[in-house]
Amino acid sequence: MPRKPKAASGSTLGIRIGRNIKIARLALGLTQAELAESLDLENVTVSRIETGAQLPSIDRLDEVARVLKVSLTALLADTDKDSAITHMLVEVIKDLPAREKKFVYEFAASYAAHWNASKKK
């Protein structure tokens, strides 16, 4: 049976931060090993952070945010998984020109329509 993640410092803060890091990492298509290498950490350390068993220092968290191309606020956000993904998507496209944002929106809308249609079959 899988182990339950431990909350850092007896709170859910570590679990929340770990979840947000994992979402941002996956959004970039990075493995834990790739993130660990970028941060000069061991793979097990990234795993422990993502499960909430280890809480990174604020300096390390700032470095993680930089590597994952998200704000520190996004990693600290207390949102559910779907809201966190939405927030990360907004972060990723915020600096794009309006025309490119429209392209991303139209792609997402088209994909969602296609996916929803395939569910009805």
PDB file of N, CA and C in Angstrom:
ATOM      1  N   MET A   1       0.854  -1.171   0.000  1.00  0.00           N
ATOM      2  CA  MET A   1       0.000   0.000   0.000  1.00  0.00           C
ATOM      3  C   MET A   1       0.900   1.234   0.000  1.00  0.00           C
ATOM      4  N   PRO A   2       0.561   2.257  -0.830  1.00  0.00           N
ATOM      5  CA  PRO A   2       1.397   3.459  -0.889  1.00  0.00           C
ATOM      6  C   PRO A   2       1.368   4.220   0.429  1.00  0.00           C
ATOM      7  N   ARG A   3       2.511   4.845   0.715  1.00  0.00           N
ATOM      8  CA  ARG A   3       2.588   5.659   1.924  1.00  0.00           C
ATOM      9  C   ARG A   3       1.818   6.944   1.740  1.00  0.00           C
ATOM     10  N   LYS A   4       1.204   7.401   2.814  1.00  0.00           N
ATOM     11  CA  LYS A   4       0.544   8.700   2.785  1.00  0.00           C
ATOM     12  C   LYS A   4       1.609   9.770   2.933  1.00  0.00           C
ATOM     13  N   PRO A   5       1.471  10.890   2.170  1.00  0.00           N
ATOM     14  CA  PRO A   5       2.458  11.956   2.334  1.00  0.00           C
ATOM     15  C   PRO A   5       2.347  12.580   3.712  1.00  0.00           C
ATOM     16  N   LYS A   6       3.484  12.889   4.288  1.00  0.00           N
ATOM     17  CA  LYS A   6       3.513  13.566   5.578  1.00  0.00           C
ATOM     18  C   LYS A   6       3.466  15.059   5.343  1.00  0.00           C
ATOM     19  N   ALA A   7       2.711  15.738   6.158  1.00  0.00           N
ATOM     20  CA  ALA A   7       2.667  17.193   6.060  1.00  0.00           C
ATOM     21  C   ALA A   7       3.888  17.772   6.740  1.00  0.00           C
ATOM     22  N   ALA A   8       4.514  18.733   6.096  1.00  0.00           N
ATOM     23  CA  ALA A   8       5.673  19.398   6.691  1.00  0.00           C
ATOM     24  C   ALA A   8       5.208  20.235   7.870  1.00  0.00           C
ATOM     25  N   SER A   9       5.961  20.177   8.938  1.00  0.00           N
ATOM     26  CA  SER A   9       5.684  20.963  10.143  1.00  0.00           C
ATOM     27  C   SER A   9       4.267  20.743  10.668  1.00  0.00           C
ATOM     28  N   GLY A  10       3.721  19.549  10.469  1.00  0.00           N
ATOM     29  CA  GLY A  10       2.408  19.238  11.011  1.00  0.00           C
ATOM     30  C   GLY A  10       1.272  19.966  10.322  1.00  0.00           C
ATOM     31  N   SER A  11       1.477  20.511   9.130  1.00  0.00           N
ATOM     32  CA  SER A  11       0.413  21.217   8.432  1.00  0.00           C
ATOM     33  C   SER A  11       0.272  20.685   7.014  1.00  0.00           C
ATOM     34  N   THR A  12      -0.687  21.212   6.314  1.00  0.00           N
ATOM     35  CA  THR A  12      -0.875  20.810   4.923  1.00  0.00           C
ATOM     36  C   THR A  12      -0.062  21.692   3.975  1.00  0.00           C
ATOM     37  N   LEU A  13       0.712  22.608   4.513  1.00  0.00           N
ATOM     38  CA  LEU A  13       1.501  23.511   3.676  1.00  0.00           C
ATOM     39  C   LEU A  13       2.445  22.741   2.755  1.00  0.00           C
ATOM     40  N   GLY A  14       3.155  21.769   3.294  1.00  0.00           N
ATOM     41  CA  GLY A  14       4.087  20.983   2.488  1.00  0.00           C
ATOM     42  C   GLY A  14       3.389  20.221   1.383  1.00  0.00           C
ATOM     43  N   ILE A  15       2.238  19.662   1.692  1.00  0.00           N
ATOM     44  CA  ILE A  15       1.477  18.916   0.688  1.00  0.00           C
ATOM     45  C   ILE A  15       1.000  19.858  -0.412  1.00  0.00           C
ATOM     46  N   ARG A  16       0.507  21.029  -0.038  1.00  0.00           N
ATOM     47  CA  ARG A  16       0.026  21.996  -1.018  1.00  0.00           C
ATOM     48  C   ARG A  16       1.152  22.456  -1.931  1.00  0.00           C
ATOM     49  N   ILE A  17       2.288  22.819  -1.352  1.00  0.00           N
ATOM     50  CA  ILE A  17       3.433  23.277  -2.147  1.00  0.00           C
ATOM     51  C   ILE A  17       3.917  22.153  -3.058  1.00  0.00           C
ATOM     52  N   GLY A  18       4.013  20.954  -2.507  1.00  0.00           N
ATOM     53  CA  GLY A  18       4.450  19.811  -3.305  1.00  0.00           C
ATOM     54  C   GLY A  18       3.538  19.543  -4.484  1.00  0.00           C
ATOM     55  N   ARG A  19       2.230  19.617  -4.246  1.00  0.00           N
ATOM     56  CA  ARG A  19       1.255  19.411  -5.328  1.00  0.00           C
ATOM     57  C   ARG A  19       1.431  20.471  -6.411  1.00  0.00           C
ATOM     58  N   ASN A  20       1.602  21.716  -6.005  1.00  0.00           N
ATOM     59  CA  ASN A  20       1.757  22.791  -6.980  1.00  0.00           C
ATOM     60  C   ASN A  20       3.062  22.662  -7.763  1.00  0.00           C
ATOM     61  N   ILE A  21       4.116  22.216  -7.101  1.00  0.00           N
ATOM     62  CA  ILE A  21       5.382  21.986  -7.801  1.00  0.00           C
ATOM     63  C   ILE A  21       5.207  20.873  -8.833  1.00  0.00           C
ATOM     64  N   LYS A  22       4.545  19.804  -8.428  1.00  0.00           N
ATOM     65  CA  LYS A  22       4.339  18.678  -9.353  1.00  0.00           C
ATOM     66  C   LYS A  22       3.521  19.110 -10.563  1.00  0.00           C
ATOM     67  N   ILE A  23       2.468  19.870 -10.340  1.00  0.00           N
ATOM     68  CA  ILE A  23       1.627  20.344 -11.449  1.00  0.00           C
ATOM     69  C   ILE A  23       2.444  21.202 -12.400  1.00  0.00           C
ATOM     70  N   ALA A  24       3.235  22.119 -11.853  1.00  0.00           N
ATOM     71  CA  ALA A  24       4.057  22.998 -12.697  1.00  0.00           C
ATOM     72  C   ALA A  24       5.124  22.195 -13.443  1.00  0.00           C
ATOM     73  N   ARG A  25       5.709  21.213 -12.771  1.00  0.00           N
ATOM     74  CA  ARG A  25       6.737  20.374 -13.402  1.00  0.00           C
ATOM     75  C   ARG A  25       6.139  19.585 -14.558  1.00  0.00           C
ATOM     76  N   LEU A  26       4.995  18.982 -14.330  1.00  0.00           N
ATOM     77  CA  LEU A  26       4.351  18.206 -15.382  1.00  0.00           C
ATOM     78  C   LEU A  26       3.888  19.088 -16.543  1.00  0.00           C
ATOM     79  N   ALA A  27       3.455  20.302 -16.224  1.00  0.00           N
ATOM     80  CA  ALA A  27       3.039  21.234 -17.279  1.00  0.00           C
ATOM     81  C   ALA A  27       4.193  21.562 -18.215  1.00  0.00           C
ATOM     82  N   LEU A  28       5.413  21.537 -17.697  1.00  0.00           N
ATOM     83  CA  LEU A  28       6.604  21.776 -18.526  1.00  0.00           C
ATOM     84  C   LEU A  28       7.137  20.496 -19.157  1.00  0.00           C
ATOM     85  N   GLY A  29       6.551  19.364 -18.796  1.00  0.00           N
ATOM     86  CA  GLY A  29       6.996  18.092 -19.334  1.00  0.00           C
ATOM     87  C   GLY A  29       8.308  17.611 -18.740  1.00  0.00           C
ATOM     88  N   LEU A  30       8.602  18.030 -17.516  1.00  0.00           N
ATOM     89  CA  LEU A  30       9.845  17.629 -16.858  1.00  0.00           C
ATOM     90  C   LEU A  30       9.624  16.414 -15.969  1.00  0.00           C
ATOM     91  N   THR A  31      10.631  15.572 -15.878  1.00  0.00           N
ATOM     92  CA  THR A  31      10.614  14.477 -14.912  1.00  0.00           C
ATOM     93  C   THR A  31      11.162  15.001 -13.592  1.00  0.00           C
ATOM     94  N   GLN A  32      10.965  14.228 -12.538  1.00  0.00           N
ATOM     95  CA  GLN A  32      11.560  14.608 -11.259  1.00  0.00           C
ATOM     96  C   GLN A  32      13.080  14.661 -11.377  1.00  0.00           C
ATOM     97  N   ALA A  33      13.644  13.748 -12.136  1.00  0.00           N
ATOM     98  CA  ALA A  33      15.103  13.716 -12.310  1.00  0.00           C
ATOM     99  C   ALA A  33      15.597  14.975 -13.012  1.00  0.00           C
ATOM    100  N   GLU A  34      14.873  15.430 -14.021  1.00  0.00           N
ATOM    101  CA  GLU A  34      15.272  16.649 -14.743  1.00  0.00           C
ATOM    102  C   GLU A  34      15.173  17.871 -13.848  1.00  0.00           C
ATOM    103  N   LEU A  35      14.101  17.942 -13.053  1.00  0.00           N
ATOM    104  CA  LEU A  35      13.965  19.062 -12.121  1.00  0.00           C
ATOM    105  C   LEU A  35      15.077  19.008 -11.082  1.00  0.00           C
ATOM    106  N   ALA A  36      15.351  17.826 -10.571  1.00  0.00           N
ATOM    107  CA  ALA A  36      16.417  17.668  -9.573  1.00  0.00           C
ATOM    108  C   ALA A  36      17.753  18.133 -10.137  1.00  0.00           C
ATOM    109  N   GLU A  37      18.037  17.757 -11.379  1.00  0.00           N
ATOM    110  CA  GLU A  37      19.301  18.165 -11.999  1.00  0.00           C
ATOM    111  C   GLU A  37      19.370  19.688 -12.145  1.00  0.00           C
ATOM    112  N   SER A  38      18.268  20.297 -12.556  1.00  0.00           N
ATOM    113  CA  SER A  38      18.230  21.755 -12.707  1.00  0.00           C
ATOM    114  C   SER A  38      18.461  22.483 -11.389  1.00  0.00           C
ATOM    115  N   LEU A  39      18.059  21.844 -10.298  1.00  0.00           N
ATOM    116  CA  LEU A  39      18.180  22.459  -8.972  1.00  0.00           C
ATOM    117  C   LEU A  39      19.410  21.974  -8.210  1.00  0.00           C
ATOM    118  N   ASP A  40      20.177  21.081  -8.833  1.00  0.00           N
ATOM    119  CA  ASP A  40      21.351  20.476  -8.195  1.00  0.00           C
ATOM    120  C   ASP A  40      20.945  19.771  -6.899  1.00  0.00           C
ATOM    121  N   LEU A  41      19.887  18.960  -7.009  1.00  0.00           N
ATOM    122  CA  LEU A  41      19.375  18.181  -5.890  1.00  0.00           C
ATOM    123  C   LEU A  41      19.368  16.701  -6.257  1.00  0.00           C
ATOM    124  N   GLU A  42      19.190  15.861  -5.264  1.00  0.00           N
ATOM    125  CA  GLU A  42      18.989  14.435  -5.491  1.00  0.00           C
ATOM    126  C   GLU A  42      17.530  14.209  -5.904  1.00  0.00           C
ATOM    127  N   ASN A  43      17.295  13.167  -6.712  1.00  0.00           N
ATOM    128  CA  ASN A  43      15.920  12.844  -7.126  1.00  0.00           C
ATOM    129  C   ASN A  43      15.002  12.629  -5.926  1.00  0.00           C
ATOM    130  N   VAL A  44      15.522  11.942  -4.917  1.00  0.00           N
ATOM    131  CA  VAL A  44      14.715  11.642  -3.742  1.00  0.00           C
ATOM    132  C   VAL A  44      14.273  12.923  -3.034  1.00  0.00           C
ATOM    133  N   THR A  45      15.077  13.964  -3.094  1.00  0.00           N
ATOM    134  CA  THR A  45      14.712  15.231  -2.452  1.00  0.00           C
ATOM    135  C   THR A  45      13.513  15.851  -3.162  1.00  0.00           C
ATOM    136  N   VAL A  46      13.532  15.840  -4.493  1.00  0.00           N
ATOM    137  CA  VAL A  46      12.389  16.366  -5.253  1.00  0.00           C
ATOM    138  C   VAL A  46      11.139  15.538  -4.940  1.00  0.00           C
ATOM    139  N   SER A  47      11.299  14.237  -4.886  1.00  0.00           N
ATOM    140  CA  SER A  47      10.170  13.364  -4.557  1.00  0.00           C
ATOM    141  C   SER A  47       9.607  13.699  -3.177  1.00  0.00           C
ATOM    142  N   ARG A  48      10.468  13.869  -2.209  1.00  0.00           N
ATOM    143  CA  ARG A  48      10.031  14.199  -0.844  1.00  0.00           C
ATOM    144  C   ARG A  48       9.329  15.558  -0.789  1.00  0.00           C
ATOM    145  N   ILE A  49       9.816  16.510  -1.567  1.00  0.00           N
ATOM    146  CA  ILE A  49       9.176  17.832  -1.616  1.00  0.00           C
ATOM    147  C   ILE A  49       7.794  17.706  -2.240  1.00  0.00           C
ATOM    148  N   GLU A  50       7.694  16.966  -3.351  1.00  0.00           N
ATOM    149  CA  GLU A  50       6.408  16.838  -4.042  1.00  0.00           C
ATOM    150  C   GLU A  50       5.363  16.091  -3.222  1.00  0.00           C
ATOM    151  N   THR A  51       5.797  15.180  -2.359  1.00  0.00           N
ATOM    152  CA  THR A  51       4.834  14.453  -1.522  1.00  0.00           C
ATOM    153  C   THR A  51       4.514  15.191  -0.234  1.00  0.00           C
ATOM    154  N   GLY A  52       5.237  16.273   0.035  1.00  0.00           N
ATOM    155  CA  GLY A  52       4.988  17.040   1.247  1.00  0.00           C
ATOM    156  C   GLY A  52       5.766  16.539   2.447  1.00  0.00           C
ATOM    157  N   ALA A  53       6.624  15.543   2.239  1.00  0.00           N
ATOM    158  CA  ALA A  53       7.415  15.007   3.342  1.00  0.00           C
ATOM    159  C   ALA A  53       8.552  15.943   3.736  1.00  0.00           C
ATOM    160  N   GLN A  54       8.934  16.837   2.824  1.00  0.00           N
ATOM    161  CA  GLN A  54      10.023  17.790   3.093  1.00  0.00           C
ATOM    162  C   GLN A  54       9.605  19.158   2.574  1.00  0.00           C
ATOM    163  N   LEU A  55       9.754  20.159   3.385  1.00  0.00           N
ATOM    164  CA  LEU A  55       9.411  21.527   3.002  1.00  0.00           C
ATOM    165  C   LEU A  55      10.684  22.267   2.614  1.00  0.00           C
ATOM    166  N   PRO A  56      10.742  22.788   1.374  1.00  0.00           N
ATOM    167  CA  PRO A  56      11.958  23.504   0.962  1.00  0.00           C
ATOM    168  C   PRO A  56      12.062  24.866   1.643  1.00  0.00           C
ATOM    169  N   SER A  57      13.281  25.369   1.739  1.00  0.00           N
ATOM    170  CA  SER A  57      13.479  26.716   2.277  1.00  0.00           C
ATOM    171  C   SER A  57      12.878  27.716   1.293  1.00  0.00           C
ATOM    172  N   ILE A  58      12.664  28.933   1.733  1.00  0.00           N
ATOM    173  CA  ILE A  58      12.099  29.959   0.861  1.00  0.00           C
ATOM    174  C   ILE A  58      13.043  30.259  -0.300  1.00  0.00           C
ATOM    175  N   ASP A  59      14.346  30.230  -0.055  1.00  0.00           N
ATOM    176  CA  ASP A  59      15.305  30.446  -1.140  1.00  0.00           C
ATOM    177  C   ASP A  59      15.214  29.331  -2.171  1.00  0.00           C
ATOM    178  N   ARG A  60      15.115  28.079  -1.703  1.00  0.00           N
ATOM    179  CA  ARG A  60      15.001  26.947  -2.616  1.00  0.00           C
ATOM    180  C   ARG A  60      13.679  27.017  -3.371  1.00  0.00           C
ATOM    181  N   LEU A  61      12.618  27.402  -2.684  1.00  0.00           N
ATOM    182  CA  LEU A  61      11.307  27.510  -3.318  1.00  0.00           C
ATOM    183  C   LEU A  61      11.327  28.574  -4.413  1.00  0.00           C
ATOM    184  N   ASP A  62      12.028  29.673  -4.166  1.00  0.00           N
ATOM    185  CA  ASP A  62      12.175  30.721  -5.171  1.00  0.00           C
ATOM    186  C   ASP A  62      12.922  30.177  -6.392  1.00  0.00           C
ATOM    187  N   GLU A  63      13.942  29.370  -6.155  1.00  0.00           N
ATOM    188  CA  GLU A  63      14.696  28.754  -7.249  1.00  0.00           C
ATOM    189  C   GLU A  63      13.821  27.774  -8.029  1.00  0.00           C
ATOM    190  N   VAL A  64      13.004  26.995  -7.331  1.00  0.00           N
ATOM    191  CA  VAL A  64      12.084  26.063  -7.982  1.00  0.00           C
ATOM    192  C   VAL A  64      11.119  26.830  -8.881  1.00  0.00           C
ATOM    193  N   ALA A  65      10.573  27.929  -8.364  1.00  0.00           N
ATOM    194  CA  ALA A  65       9.646  28.745  -9.151  1.00  0.00           C
ATOM    195  C   ALA A  65      10.314  29.262 -10.425  1.00  0.00           C
ATOM    196  N   ARG A  66      11.563  29.702 -10.298  1.00  0.00           N
ATOM    197  CA  ARG A  66      12.299  30.209 -11.467  1.00  0.00           C
ATOM    198  C   ARG A  66      12.486  29.103 -12.504  1.00  0.00           C
ATOM    199  N   VAL A  67      12.922  27.929 -12.059  1.00  0.00           N
ATOM    200  CA  VAL A  67      13.147  26.805 -12.976  1.00  0.00           C
ATOM    201  C   VAL A  67      11.844  26.372 -13.643  1.00  0.00           C
ATOM    202  N   LEU A  68      10.746  26.389 -12.884  1.00  0.00           N
ATOM    203  CA  LEU A  68       9.453  25.956 -13.422  1.00  0.00           C
ATOM    204  C   LEU A  68       8.704  27.067 -14.152  1.00  0.00           C
ATOM    205  N   LYS A  69       9.290  28.255 -14.167  1.00  0.00           N
ATOM    206  CA  LYS A  69       8.729  29.404 -14.891  1.00  0.00           C
ATOM    207  C   LYS A  69       7.333  29.777 -14.388  1.00  0.00           C
ATOM    208  N   VAL A  70       7.196  29.769 -13.057  1.00  0.00           N
ATOM    209  CA  VAL A  70       5.958  30.206 -12.418  1.00  0.00           C
ATOM    210  C   VAL A  70       6.323  31.158 -11.284  1.00  0.00           C
ATOM    211  N   SER A  71       5.340  31.854 -10.777  1.00  0.00           N
ATOM    212  CA  SER A  71       5.606  32.757  -9.663  1.00  0.00           C
ATOM    213  C   SER A  71       5.673  31.970  -8.356  1.00  0.00           C
ATOM    214  N   LEU A  72       6.332  32.548  -7.396  1.00  0.00           N
ATOM    215  CA  LEU A  72       6.371  31.962  -6.062  1.00  0.00           C
ATOM    216  C   LEU A  72       4.952  31.844  -5.510  1.00  0.00           C
ATOM    217  N   THR A  73       4.136  32.818  -5.811  1.00  0.00           N
ATOM    218  CA  THR A  73       2.732  32.802  -5.380  1.00  0.00           C
ATOM    219  C   THR A  73       2.008  31.578  -5.908  1.00  0.00           C
ATOM    220  N   ALA A  74       2.289  31.205  -7.161  1.00  0.00           N
ATOM    221  CA  ALA A  74       1.636  30.024  -7.752  1.00  0.00           C
ATOM    222  C   ALA A  74       1.997  28.759  -6.987  1.00  0.00           C
ATOM    223  N   LEU A  75       3.225  28.680  -6.491  1.00  0.00           N
ATOM    224  CA  LEU A  75       3.632  27.490  -5.740  1.00  0.00           C
ATOM    225  C   LEU A  75       3.037  27.466  -4.339  1.00  0.00           C
ATOM    226  N   LEU A  76       2.698  28.628  -3.817  1.00  0.00           N
ATOM    227  CA  LEU A  76       2.130  28.720  -2.476  1.00  0.00           C
ATOM    228  C   LEU A  76       0.599  28.705  -2.476  1.00  0.00           C
ATOM    229  N   ALA A  77      -0.008  28.868  -3.641  1.00  0.00           N
ATOM    230  CA  ALA A  77      -1.459  29.023  -3.755  1.00  0.00           C
ATOM    231  C   ALA A  77      -2.204  27.854  -3.120  1.00  0.00           C
ATOM    232  N   ASP A  78      -3.247  28.174  -2.392  1.00  0.00           N
ATOM    233  CA  ASP A  78      -4.094  27.164  -1.771  1.00  0.00           C
ATOM    234  C   ASP A  78      -5.310  26.946  -2.652  1.00  0.00           C
ATOM    235  N   THR A  79      -5.110  26.170  -3.688  1.00  0.00           N
ATOM    236  CA  THR A  79      -6.183  25.895  -4.632  1.00  0.00           C
ATOM    237  C   THR A  79      -6.307  24.401  -4.816  1.00  0.00           C
ATOM    238  N   ASP A  80      -7.462  23.987  -5.326  1.00  0.00           N
ATOM    239  CA  ASP A  80      -7.579  22.573  -5.642  1.00  0.00           C
ATOM    240  C   ASP A  80      -6.779  22.300  -6.916  1.00  0.00           C
ATOM    241  N   LYS A  81      -6.648  21.042  -7.270  1.00  0.00           N
ATOM    242  CA  LYS A  81      -5.785  20.661  -8.386  1.00  0.00           C
ATOM    243  C   LYS A  81      -6.204  21.348  -9.678  1.00  0.00           C
ATOM    244  N   ASP A  82      -7.515  21.357  -9.992  1.00  0.00           N
ATOM    245  CA  ASP A  82      -7.973  21.980 -11.234  1.00  0.00           C
ATOM    246  C   ASP A  82      -7.705  23.480 -11.239  1.00  0.00           C
ATOM    247  N   SER A  83      -7.934  24.135 -10.116  1.00  0.00           N
ATOM    248  CA  SER A  83      -7.659  25.565 -10.038  1.00  0.00           C
ATOM    249  C   SER A  83      -6.177  25.845 -10.168  1.00  0.00           C
ATOM    250  N   ALA A  84      -5.364  24.981  -9.598  1.00  0.00           N
ATOM    251  CA  ALA A  84      -3.911  25.156  -9.688  1.00  0.00           C
ATOM    252  C   ALA A  84      -3.456  25.050 -11.139  1.00  0.00           C
ATOM    253  N   ILE A  85      -4.001  24.095 -11.874  1.00  0.00           N
ATOM    254  CA  ILE A  85      -3.638  23.942 -13.283  1.00  0.00           C
ATOM    255  C   ILE A  85      -4.078  25.175 -14.069  1.00  0.00           C
ATOM    256  N   THR A  86      -5.273  25.665 -13.800  1.00  0.00           N
ATOM    257  CA  THR A  86      -5.761  26.873 -14.471  1.00  0.00           C
ATOM    258  C   THR A  86      -4.840  28.050 -14.172  1.00  0.00           C
ATOM    259  N   HIS A  87      -4.460  28.186 -12.919  1.00  0.00           N
ATOM    260  CA  HIS A  87      -3.570  29.281 -12.520  1.00  0.00           C
ATOM    261  C   HIS A  87      -2.221  29.172 -13.232  1.00  0.00           C
ATOM    262  N   MET A  88      -1.701  27.958 -13.317  1.00  0.00           N
ATOM    263  CA  MET A  88      -0.414  27.751 -13.988  1.00  0.00           C
ATOM    264  C   MET A  88      -0.520  28.076 -15.480  1.00  0.00           C
ATOM    265  N   LEU A  89      -1.641  27.703 -16.096  1.00  0.00           N
ATOM    266  CA  LEU A  89      -1.832  28.010 -17.514  1.00  0.00           C
ATOM    267  C   LEU A  89      -1.861  29.519 -17.744  1.00  0.00           C
ATOM    268  N   VAL A  90      -2.542  30.232 -16.871  1.00  0.00           N
ATOM    269  CA  VAL A  90      -2.575  31.695 -16.966  1.00  0.00           C
ATOM    270  C   VAL A  90      -1.166  32.252 -16.848  1.00  0.00           C
ATOM    271  N   GLU A  91      -0.379  31.711 -15.913  1.00  0.00           N
ATOM    272  CA  GLU A  91       1.006  32.162 -15.745  1.00  0.00           C
ATOM    273  C   GLU A  91       1.830  31.942 -17.012  1.00  0.00           C
ATOM    274  N   VAL A  92       1.630  30.786 -17.645  1.00  0.00           N
ATOM    275  CA  VAL A  92       2.421  30.423 -18.818  1.00  0.00           C
ATOM    276  C   VAL A  92       2.135  31.356 -19.998  1.00  0.00           C
ATOM    277  N   ILE A  93       0.886  31.754 -20.173  1.00  0.00           N
ATOM    278  CA  ILE A  93       0.545  32.547 -21.356  1.00  0.00           C
ATOM    279  C   ILE A  93       0.477  34.051 -21.101  1.00  0.00           C
ATOM    280  N   LYS A  94       0.665  34.483 -19.880  1.00  0.00           N
ATOM    281  CA  LYS A  94       0.450  35.894 -19.537  1.00  0.00           C
ATOM    282  C   LYS A  94       1.290  36.872 -20.359  1.00  0.00           C
ATOM    283  N   ASP A  95       2.486  36.478 -20.769  1.00  0.00           N
ATOM    284  CA  ASP A  95       3.362  37.395 -21.507  1.00  0.00           C
ATOM    285  C   ASP A  95       3.252  37.256 -23.021  1.00  0.00           C
ATOM    286  N   LEU A  96       2.377  36.373 -23.478  1.00  0.00           N
ATOM    287  CA  LEU A  96       2.199  36.221 -24.917  1.00  0.00           C
ATOM    288  C   LEU A  96       1.426  37.409 -25.489  1.00  0.00           C
ATOM    289  N   PRO A  97       1.662  37.730 -26.754  1.00  0.00           N
ATOM    290  CA  PRO A  97       0.847  38.764 -27.399  1.00  0.00           C
ATOM    291  C   PRO A  97      -0.608  38.298 -27.479  1.00  0.00           C
ATOM    292  N   ALA A  98      -1.519  39.229 -27.590  1.00  0.00           N
ATOM    293  CA  ALA A  98      -2.952  38.917 -27.606  1.00  0.00           C
ATOM    294  C   ALA A  98      -3.296  37.891 -28.682  1.00  0.00           C
ATOM    295  N   ARG A  99      -2.691  38.015 -29.852  1.00  0.00           N
ATOM    296  CA  ARG A  99      -2.965  37.083 -30.956  1.00  0.00           C
ATOM    297  C   ARG A  99      -2.587  35.651 -30.563  1.00  0.00           C
ATOM    298  N   GLU A 100      -1.469  35.496 -29.844  1.00  0.00           N
ATOM    299  CA  GLU A 100      -1.022  34.172 -29.425  1.00  0.00           C
ATOM    300  C   GLU A 100      -1.908  33.622 -28.301  1.00  0.00           C
ATOM    301  N   LYS A 101      -2.358  34.493 -27.405  1.00  0.00           N
ATOM    302  CA  LYS A 101      -3.281  34.059 -26.355  1.00  0.00           C
ATOM    303  C   LYS A 101      -4.571  33.534 -26.979  1.00  0.00           C
ATOM    304  N   LYS A 102      -5.050  34.239 -28.003  1.00  0.00           N
ATOM    305  CA  LYS A 102      -6.263  33.809 -28.706  1.00  0.00           C
ATOM    306  C   LYS A 102      -6.044  32.439 -29.339  1.00  0.00           C
ATOM    307  N   PHE A 103      -4.868  32.223 -29.930  1.00  0.00           N
ATOM    308  CA  PHE A 103      -4.546  30.930 -30.535  1.00  0.00           C
ATOM    309  C   PHE A 103      -4.609  29.822 -29.488  1.00  0.00           C
ATOM    310  N   VAL A 104      -3.996  30.055 -28.322  1.00  0.00           N
ATOM    311  CA  VAL A 104      -3.986  29.049 -27.255  1.00  0.00           C
ATOM    312  C   VAL A 104      -5.416  28.771 -26.800  1.00  0.00           C
ATOM    313  N   TYR A 105      -6.206  29.833 -26.647  1.00  0.00           N
ATOM    314  CA  TYR A 105      -7.601  29.670 -26.231  1.00  0.00           C
ATOM    315  C   TYR A 105      -8.378  28.844 -27.257  1.00  0.00           C
ATOM    316  N   GLU A 106      -8.240  29.190 -28.541  1.00  0.00           N
ATOM    317  CA  GLU A 106      -8.977  28.475 -29.587  1.00  0.00           C
ATOM    318  C   GLU A 106      -8.551  27.014 -29.668  1.00  0.00           C
ATOM    319  N   PHE A 107      -7.247  26.760 -29.475  1.00  0.00           N
ATOM    320  CA  PHE A 107      -6.770  25.377 -29.460  1.00  0.00           C
ATOM    321  C   PHE A 107      -7.411  24.616 -28.307  1.00  0.00           C
ATOM    322  N   ALA A 108      -7.393  25.212 -27.115  1.00  0.00           N
ATOM    323  CA  ALA A 108      -7.954  24.556 -25.932  1.00  0.00           C
ATOM    324  C   ALA A 108      -9.456  24.312 -26.111  1.00  0.00           C
ATOM    325  N   ALA A 109     -10.172  25.295 -26.642  1.00  0.00           N
ATOM    326  CA  ALA A 109     -11.610  25.147 -26.864  1.00  0.00           C
ATOM    327  C   ALA A 109     -11.898  24.038 -27.877  1.00  0.00           C
ATOM    328  N   SER A 110     -11.121  23.995 -28.951  1.00  0.00           N
ATOM    329  CA  SER A 110     -11.284  22.960 -29.964  1.00  0.00           C
ATOM    330  C   SER A 110     -10.991  21.580 -29.386  1.00  0.00           C
ATOM    331  N   TYR A 111      -9.914  21.479 -28.621  1.00  0.00           N
ATOM    332  CA  TYR A 111      -9.562  20.202 -28.019  1.00  0.00           C
ATOM    333  C   TYR A 111     -10.645  19.746 -27.046  1.00  0.00           C
ATOM    334  N   ALA A 112     -11.138  20.657 -26.226  1.00  0.00           N
ATOM    335  CA  ALA A 112     -12.179  20.314 -25.252  1.00  0.00           C
ATOM    336  C   ALA A 112     -13.447  19.838 -25.954  1.00  0.00           C
ATOM    337  N   ALA A 113     -13.834  20.501 -27.036  1.00  0.00           N
ATOM    338  CA  ALA A 113     -15.016  20.088 -27.796  1.00  0.00           C
ATOM    339  C   ALA A 113     -14.814  18.685 -28.367  1.00  0.00           C
ATOM    340  N   HIS A 114     -13.630  18.439 -28.930  1.00  0.00           N
ATOM    341  CA  HIS A 114     -13.319  17.120 -29.484  1.00  0.00           C
ATOM    342  C   HIS A 114     -13.357  16.048 -28.390  1.00  0.00           C
ATOM    343  N   TRP A 115     -12.762  16.341 -27.250  1.00  0.00           N
ATOM    344  CA  TRP A 115     -12.725  15.385 -26.148  1.00  0.00           C
ATOM    345  C   TRP A 115     -14.119  15.088 -25.637  1.00  0.00           C
ATOM    346  N   ASN A 116     -14.918  16.154 -25.449  1.00  0.00           N
ATOM    347  CA  ASN A 116     -16.301  15.980 -24.973  1.00  0.00           C
ATOM    348  C   ASN A 116     -17.137  15.180 -25.953  1.00  0.00           C
ATOM    349  N   ALA A 117     -16.948  15.411 -27.250  1.00  0.00           N
ATOM    350  CA  ALA A 117     -17.688  14.660 -28.273  1.00  0.00           C
ATOM    351  C   ALA A 117     -17.307  13.192 -28.228  1.00  0.00           C
ATOM    352  N   SER A 118     -16.050  12.887 -28.005  1.00  0.00           N
ATOM    353  CA  SER A 118     -15.611  11.480 -27.962  1.00  0.00           C
ATOM    354  C   SER A 118     -16.165  10.769 -26.716  1.00  0.00           C
ATOM    355  N   LYS A 119     -16.422  11.495 -25.650  1.00  0.00           N
ATOM    356  CA  LYS A 119     -16.996  10.896 -24.426  1.00  0.00           C
ATOM    357  C   LYS A 119     -18.430  10.474 -24.648  1.00  0.00           C
ATOM    358  N   LYS A 120     -19.144  11.168 -25.519  1.00  0.00           N
ATOM    359  CA  LYS A 120     -20.575  10.895 -25.748  1.00  0.00           C
ATOM    360  C   LYS A 120     -20.805   9.644 -26.580  1.00  0.00           C
ATOM    361  N   LYS A 121     -19.765   9.175 -27.251  1.00  0.00           N
ATOM    362  CA  LYS A 121     -19.918   8.001 -28.126  1.00  0.00           C
ATOM    363  C   LYS A 121     -20.009   6.734 -27.347  1.00  0.00           C
TER     364      LYS A 121
END
